[in-house]
Amino acid sequence: MSKFVWSVLLLIAVCSVVAESILEDHDKGGPCGKFSTLRILTHKLRHCEKAARNYNVAPSAQCCRDLKDVSIPCLHAVFCSDSFRKVGVDPKVAITIPWRCHLVHY
């Protein structure tokens, strides 16, 4: 085969490896998978807002149910995010919510 054919085959192979790598990184996302911490905060943890502001407020049943679907690394990323602080929530209080929901694995 000519050098041109080999060059084209090499280029195709390199492009496919690079594309696969980019797609794998895109699928993994951050600690919350393909969702941003803001999306987890607004969709999954919206029922936990009162409990996250005040330690003396018991988390709602819906808040505790929603926490079961959020991984520990994602939960910590949300609690430490700027979006979380902007809504006036205290991360030191929020981090106690899984314990107050009696979720043993947290």
N, C-alpha and C. Protein backbone atom coordinates (compact mmCIF):
# COMPACT_ATOMS: atom_id res chain seq x y z
N MET A 1 0.84 -1.18 0.00
CA MET A 1 0.00 0.00 0.00
C MET A 1 0.88 1.25 0.00
N SER A 2 0.32 2.27 -0.48
CA SER A 2 1.08 3.51 -0.57
C SER A 2 1.11 4.23 0.78
N LYS A 3 2.01 5.16 0.90
CA LYS A 3 2.12 5.95 2.13
C LYS A 3 0.83 6.74 2.39
N PHE A 4 0.17 7.17 1.34
CA PHE A 4 -1.06 7.94 1.49
C PHE A 4 -2.14 7.11 2.19
N VAL A 5 -2.32 5.88 1.79
CA VAL A 5 -3.33 5.01 2.39
C VAL A 5 -3.01 4.76 3.86
N TRP A 6 -1.74 4.48 4.15
CA TRP A 6 -1.34 4.27 5.54
C TRP A 6 -1.57 5.53 6.37
N SER A 7 -1.30 6.67 5.81
CA SER A 7 -1.51 7.94 6.52
C SER A 7 -2.99 8.15 6.82
N VAL A 8 -3.83 7.85 5.87
CA VAL A 8 -5.28 7.99 6.06
C VAL A 8 -5.77 7.03 7.14
N LEU A 9 -5.32 5.79 7.09
CA LEU A 9 -5.71 4.80 8.11
C LEU A 9 -5.24 5.22 9.50
N LEU A 10 -4.04 5.74 9.59
CA LEU A 10 -3.52 6.21 10.87
C LEU A 10 -4.34 7.39 11.38
N LEU A 11 -4.68 8.30 10.51
CA LEU A 11 -5.49 9.45 10.88
C LEU A 11 -6.87 9.02 11.38
N ILE A 12 -7.48 8.07 10.71
CA ILE A 12 -8.79 7.55 11.13
C ILE A 12 -8.68 6.89 12.51
N ALA A 13 -7.66 6.11 12.72
CA ALA A 13 -7.47 5.44 14.00
C ALA A 13 -7.29 6.45 15.13
N VAL A 14 -6.46 7.46 14.91
CA VAL A 14 -6.22 8.48 15.94
C VAL A 14 -7.50 9.25 16.23
N CYS A 15 -8.23 9.62 15.20
CA CYS A 15 -9.48 10.37 15.39
C CYS A 15 -10.51 9.54 16.16
N SER A 16 -10.60 8.26 15.89
CA SER A 16 -11.57 7.43 16.60
C SER A 16 -11.20 7.27 18.07
N VAL A 17 -9.91 7.15 18.38
CA VAL A 17 -9.47 7.05 19.77
C VAL A 17 -9.76 8.35 20.52
N VAL A 18 -9.48 9.48 19.89
CA VAL A 18 -9.74 10.78 20.52
C VAL A 18 -11.23 10.98 20.73
N ALA A 19 -12.04 10.65 19.75
CA ALA A 19 -13.50 10.82 19.87
C ALA A 19 -14.06 9.94 20.98
N GLU A 20 -13.57 8.71 21.07
CA GLU A 20 -14.03 7.80 22.13
C GLU A 20 -13.67 8.34 23.50
N SER A 21 -12.49 8.88 23.63
CA SER A 21 -12.05 9.46 24.90
C SER A 21 -12.91 10.64 25.30
N ILE A 22 -13.24 11.49 24.35
CA ILE A 22 -14.09 12.65 24.64
C ILE A 22 -15.48 12.21 25.05
N LEU A 23 -16.04 11.23 24.37
CA LEU A 23 -17.37 10.75 24.70
C LEU A 23 -17.41 10.08 26.07
N GLU A 24 -16.37 9.34 26.43
CA GLU A 24 -16.33 8.71 27.75
C GLU A 24 -16.30 9.77 28.84
N ASP A 25 -15.49 10.80 28.68
CA ASP A 25 -15.41 11.86 29.68
C ASP A 25 -16.74 12.60 29.78
N HIS A 26 -17.42 12.79 28.65
CA HIS A 26 -18.70 13.49 28.67
C HIS A 26 -19.76 12.67 29.40
N ASP A 27 -19.77 11.36 29.22
CA ASP A 27 -20.76 10.51 29.87
C ASP A 27 -20.56 10.46 31.37
N LYS A 28 -19.33 10.48 31.82
CA LYS A 28 -19.04 10.36 33.25
C LYS A 28 -19.48 11.60 34.00
N GLY A 29 -19.18 12.78 33.46
CA GLY A 29 -19.54 14.02 34.14
C GLY A 29 -18.76 14.18 35.42
N GLY A 30 -19.33 14.92 36.34
CA GLY A 30 -18.70 15.17 37.62
C GLY A 30 -19.21 14.22 38.67
N PRO A 31 -19.16 14.66 39.93
CA PRO A 31 -19.60 13.79 41.02
C PRO A 31 -21.09 13.45 40.98
N CYS A 32 -21.86 14.25 40.24
CA CYS A 32 -23.30 14.01 40.12
C CYS A 32 -23.67 13.38 38.78
N GLY A 33 -22.69 12.74 38.16
CA GLY A 33 -22.94 12.11 36.87
C GLY A 33 -23.12 13.15 35.78
N LYS A 34 -24.15 13.00 35.00
CA LYS A 34 -24.34 13.92 33.89
C LYS A 34 -25.06 15.21 34.30
N PHE A 35 -25.47 15.32 35.56
CA PHE A 35 -26.18 16.50 36.03
C PHE A 35 -25.25 17.44 36.78
N SER A 36 -25.53 18.73 36.69
CA SER A 36 -24.75 19.72 37.43
C SER A 36 -25.22 19.76 38.88
N THR A 37 -24.40 20.32 39.74
CA THR A 37 -24.79 20.45 41.15
C THR A 37 -26.01 21.36 41.27
N LEU A 38 -26.12 22.36 40.40
CA LEU A 38 -27.28 23.25 40.43
C LEU A 38 -28.56 22.49 40.10
N ARG A 39 -28.49 21.59 39.12
CA ARG A 39 -29.67 20.81 38.77
C ARG A 39 -30.07 19.86 39.90
N ILE A 40 -29.11 19.25 40.55
CA ILE A 40 -29.42 18.38 41.69
C ILE A 40 -30.06 19.21 42.80
N LEU A 41 -29.52 20.39 43.03
CA LEU A 41 -30.04 21.27 44.08
C LEU A 41 -31.48 21.68 43.78
N THR A 42 -31.77 22.07 42.55
CA THR A 42 -33.10 22.57 42.22
C THR A 42 -34.13 21.48 41.97
N HIS A 43 -33.68 20.29 41.58
CA HIS A 43 -34.65 19.23 41.27
C HIS A 43 -34.74 18.15 42.35
N LYS A 44 -33.62 17.77 42.90
CA LYS A 44 -33.63 16.66 43.87
C LYS A 44 -33.69 17.14 45.32
N LEU A 45 -33.02 18.24 45.61
CA LEU A 45 -32.90 18.65 47.01
C LEU A 45 -33.74 19.88 47.37
N ARG A 46 -34.69 20.22 46.51
CA ARG A 46 -35.49 21.42 46.79
C ARG A 46 -36.36 21.26 48.03
N HIS A 47 -36.67 20.05 48.39
CA HIS A 47 -37.50 19.80 49.57
C HIS A 47 -36.69 19.86 50.87
N CYS A 48 -35.39 20.04 50.74
CA CYS A 48 -34.52 20.05 51.92
C CYS A 48 -34.12 21.47 52.35
N GLU A 49 -34.65 22.48 51.67
CA GLU A 49 -34.17 23.85 51.90
C GLU A 49 -34.37 24.31 53.34
N LYS A 50 -35.55 24.11 53.91
CA LYS A 50 -35.80 24.58 55.28
C LYS A 50 -34.90 23.86 56.28
N ALA A 51 -34.72 22.58 56.10
CA ALA A 51 -33.86 21.81 57.00
C ALA A 51 -32.40 22.19 56.83
N ALA A 52 -32.03 22.68 55.66
CA ALA A 52 -30.64 23.08 55.41
C ALA A 52 -30.34 24.47 55.97
N ARG A 53 -31.37 25.23 56.24
CA ARG A 53 -31.18 26.57 56.81
C ARG A 53 -31.14 26.56 58.33
N ASN A 54 -31.84 25.60 58.93
CA ASN A 54 -31.99 25.60 60.38
C ASN A 54 -31.87 24.16 60.90
N TYR A 55 -30.94 23.96 61.81
CA TYR A 55 -30.70 22.63 62.36
C TYR A 55 -31.91 22.10 63.12
N ASN A 56 -32.71 22.99 63.68
CA ASN A 56 -33.86 22.58 64.50
C ASN A 56 -35.08 22.20 63.66
N VAL A 57 -35.05 22.42 62.36
CA VAL A 57 -36.16 22.05 61.49
C VAL A 57 -35.91 20.63 60.98
N ALA A 58 -36.88 19.77 61.21
CA ALA A 58 -36.75 18.39 60.75
C ALA A 58 -36.89 18.33 59.23
N PRO A 59 -36.05 17.52 58.58
CA PRO A 59 -36.19 17.36 57.12
C PRO A 59 -37.51 16.69 56.79
N SER A 60 -38.11 17.11 55.70
CA SER A 60 -39.39 16.52 55.29
C SER A 60 -39.16 15.09 54.81
N ALA A 61 -40.25 14.34 54.77
CA ALA A 61 -40.17 12.96 54.28
C ALA A 61 -39.72 12.94 52.82
N GLN A 62 -40.18 13.91 52.03
CA GLN A 62 -39.78 13.98 50.62
C GLN A 62 -38.28 14.27 50.50
N CYS A 63 -37.77 15.13 51.35
CA CYS A 63 -36.33 15.43 51.37
C CYS A 63 -35.54 14.16 51.62
N CYS A 64 -35.94 13.40 52.61
CA CYS A 64 -35.23 12.16 52.95
C CYS A 64 -35.32 11.13 51.83
N ARG A 65 -36.48 11.03 51.17
CA ARG A 65 -36.61 10.11 50.04
C ARG A 65 -35.69 10.52 48.90
N ASP A 66 -35.64 11.83 48.63
CA ASP A 66 -34.79 12.32 47.54
C ASP A 66 -33.31 12.10 47.82
N LEU A 67 -32.90 12.20 49.08
CA LEU A 67 -31.50 12.00 49.43
C LEU A 67 -31.01 10.59 49.14
N LYS A 68 -31.92 9.63 49.18
CA LYS A 68 -31.54 8.24 48.91
C LYS A 68 -31.03 8.05 47.49
N ASP A 69 -31.47 8.92 46.57
CA ASP A 69 -31.08 8.80 45.16
C ASP A 69 -29.81 9.56 44.80
N VAL A 70 -29.25 10.30 45.77
CA VAL A 70 -28.08 11.13 45.50
C VAL A 70 -26.85 10.47 46.14
N SER A 71 -25.79 10.32 45.35
CA SER A 71 -24.58 9.68 45.87
C SER A 71 -23.88 10.60 46.88
N ILE A 72 -23.06 10.03 47.71
CA ILE A 72 -22.34 10.80 48.72
C ILE A 72 -21.43 11.85 48.07
N PRO A 73 -20.61 11.51 47.06
CA PRO A 73 -19.78 12.55 46.44
C PRO A 73 -20.61 13.67 45.82
N CYS A 74 -21.75 13.34 45.23
CA CYS A 74 -22.61 14.36 44.65
C CYS A 74 -23.18 15.25 45.74
N LEU A 75 -23.63 14.66 46.81
CA LEU A 75 -24.21 15.42 47.91
C LEU A 75 -23.19 16.40 48.49
N HIS A 76 -21.98 15.96 48.68
CA HIS A 76 -20.93 16.84 49.20
C HIS A 76 -20.60 17.94 48.20
N ALA A 77 -20.61 17.62 46.91
CA ALA A 77 -20.35 18.64 45.89
C ALA A 77 -21.45 19.70 45.89
N VAL A 78 -22.69 19.27 46.06
CA VAL A 78 -23.81 20.22 46.11
C VAL A 78 -23.69 21.09 47.36
N PHE A 79 -23.42 20.48 48.49
CA PHE A 79 -23.34 21.23 49.75
C PHE A 79 -22.18 22.23 49.76
N CYS A 80 -21.16 21.97 48.97
CA CYS A 80 -20.00 22.87 48.93
C CYS A 80 -20.05 23.84 47.74
N SER A 81 -21.10 23.77 46.94
CA SER A 81 -21.17 24.59 45.73
C SER A 81 -21.54 26.04 46.05
N ASP A 82 -21.16 26.93 45.15
CA ASP A 82 -21.53 28.33 45.28
C ASP A 82 -23.04 28.51 45.18
N SER A 83 -23.68 27.72 44.35
CA SER A 83 -25.14 27.81 44.18
C SER A 83 -25.85 27.55 45.50
N PHE A 84 -25.33 26.63 46.25
CA PHE A 84 -25.92 26.27 47.54
C PHE A 84 -25.82 27.44 48.50
N ARG A 85 -24.68 28.09 48.54
CA ARG A 85 -24.49 29.23 49.44
C ARG A 85 -25.32 30.43 49.01
N LYS A 86 -25.51 30.59 47.70
CA LYS A 86 -26.26 31.75 47.19
C LYS A 86 -27.72 31.73 47.61
N VAL A 87 -28.28 30.57 47.86
CA VAL A 87 -29.67 30.51 48.31
C VAL A 87 -29.80 30.67 49.82
N GLY A 88 -28.69 30.96 50.46
CA GLY A 88 -28.72 31.25 51.89
C GLY A 88 -28.71 30.04 52.80
N VAL A 89 -28.17 28.97 52.31
CA VAL A 89 -28.14 27.73 53.08
C VAL A 89 -26.77 27.58 53.74
N ASP A 90 -26.77 27.11 54.96
CA ASP A 90 -25.53 26.90 55.70
C ASP A 90 -25.02 25.48 55.45
N PRO A 91 -23.86 25.34 54.79
CA PRO A 91 -23.35 23.99 54.50
C PRO A 91 -23.12 23.15 55.77
N LYS A 92 -22.78 23.81 56.88
CA LYS A 92 -22.55 23.07 58.14
C LYS A 92 -23.85 22.46 58.65
N VAL A 93 -24.96 23.11 58.41
CA VAL A 93 -26.26 22.57 58.81
C VAL A 93 -26.72 21.54 57.77
N ALA A 94 -26.53 21.84 56.51
CA ALA A 94 -27.00 20.96 55.43
C ALA A 94 -26.33 19.59 55.48
N ILE A 95 -25.07 19.56 55.84
CA ILE A 95 -24.34 18.30 55.85
C ILE A 95 -24.90 17.32 56.90
N THR A 96 -25.70 17.84 57.83
CA THR A 96 -26.30 16.98 58.86
C THR A 96 -27.62 16.36 58.43
N ILE A 97 -28.15 16.79 57.29
CA ILE A 97 -29.47 16.30 56.86
C ILE A 97 -29.50 14.78 56.68
N PRO A 98 -28.53 14.15 56.03
CA PRO A 98 -28.61 12.68 55.92
C PRO A 98 -28.66 11.99 57.29
N TRP A 99 -27.93 12.52 58.24
CA TRP A 99 -27.95 11.96 59.59
C TRP A 99 -29.33 12.18 60.22
N ARG A 100 -29.90 13.37 60.01
CA ARG A 100 -31.23 13.66 60.56
C ARG A 100 -32.32 12.86 59.86
N CYS A 101 -32.06 12.40 58.63
CA CYS A 101 -33.00 11.53 57.91
C CYS A 101 -32.80 10.06 58.29
N HIS A 102 -31.83 9.80 59.15
CA HIS A 102 -31.50 8.43 59.59
C HIS A 102 -31.04 7.55 58.43
N LEU A 103 -30.29 8.16 57.51
CA LEU A 103 -29.71 7.40 56.41
C LEU A 103 -28.34 6.91 56.87
N VAL A 104 -28.24 5.66 57.18
CA VAL A 104 -27.05 5.07 57.80
C VAL A 104 -25.83 5.15 56.89
N HIS A 105 -26.01 4.98 55.58
CA HIS A 105 -24.86 4.89 54.67
C HIS A 105 -24.17 6.24 54.43
N TYR A 106 -24.66 7.32 54.96
CA TYR A 106 -24.02 8.63 54.77
C TYR A 106 -23.07 8.93 55.86
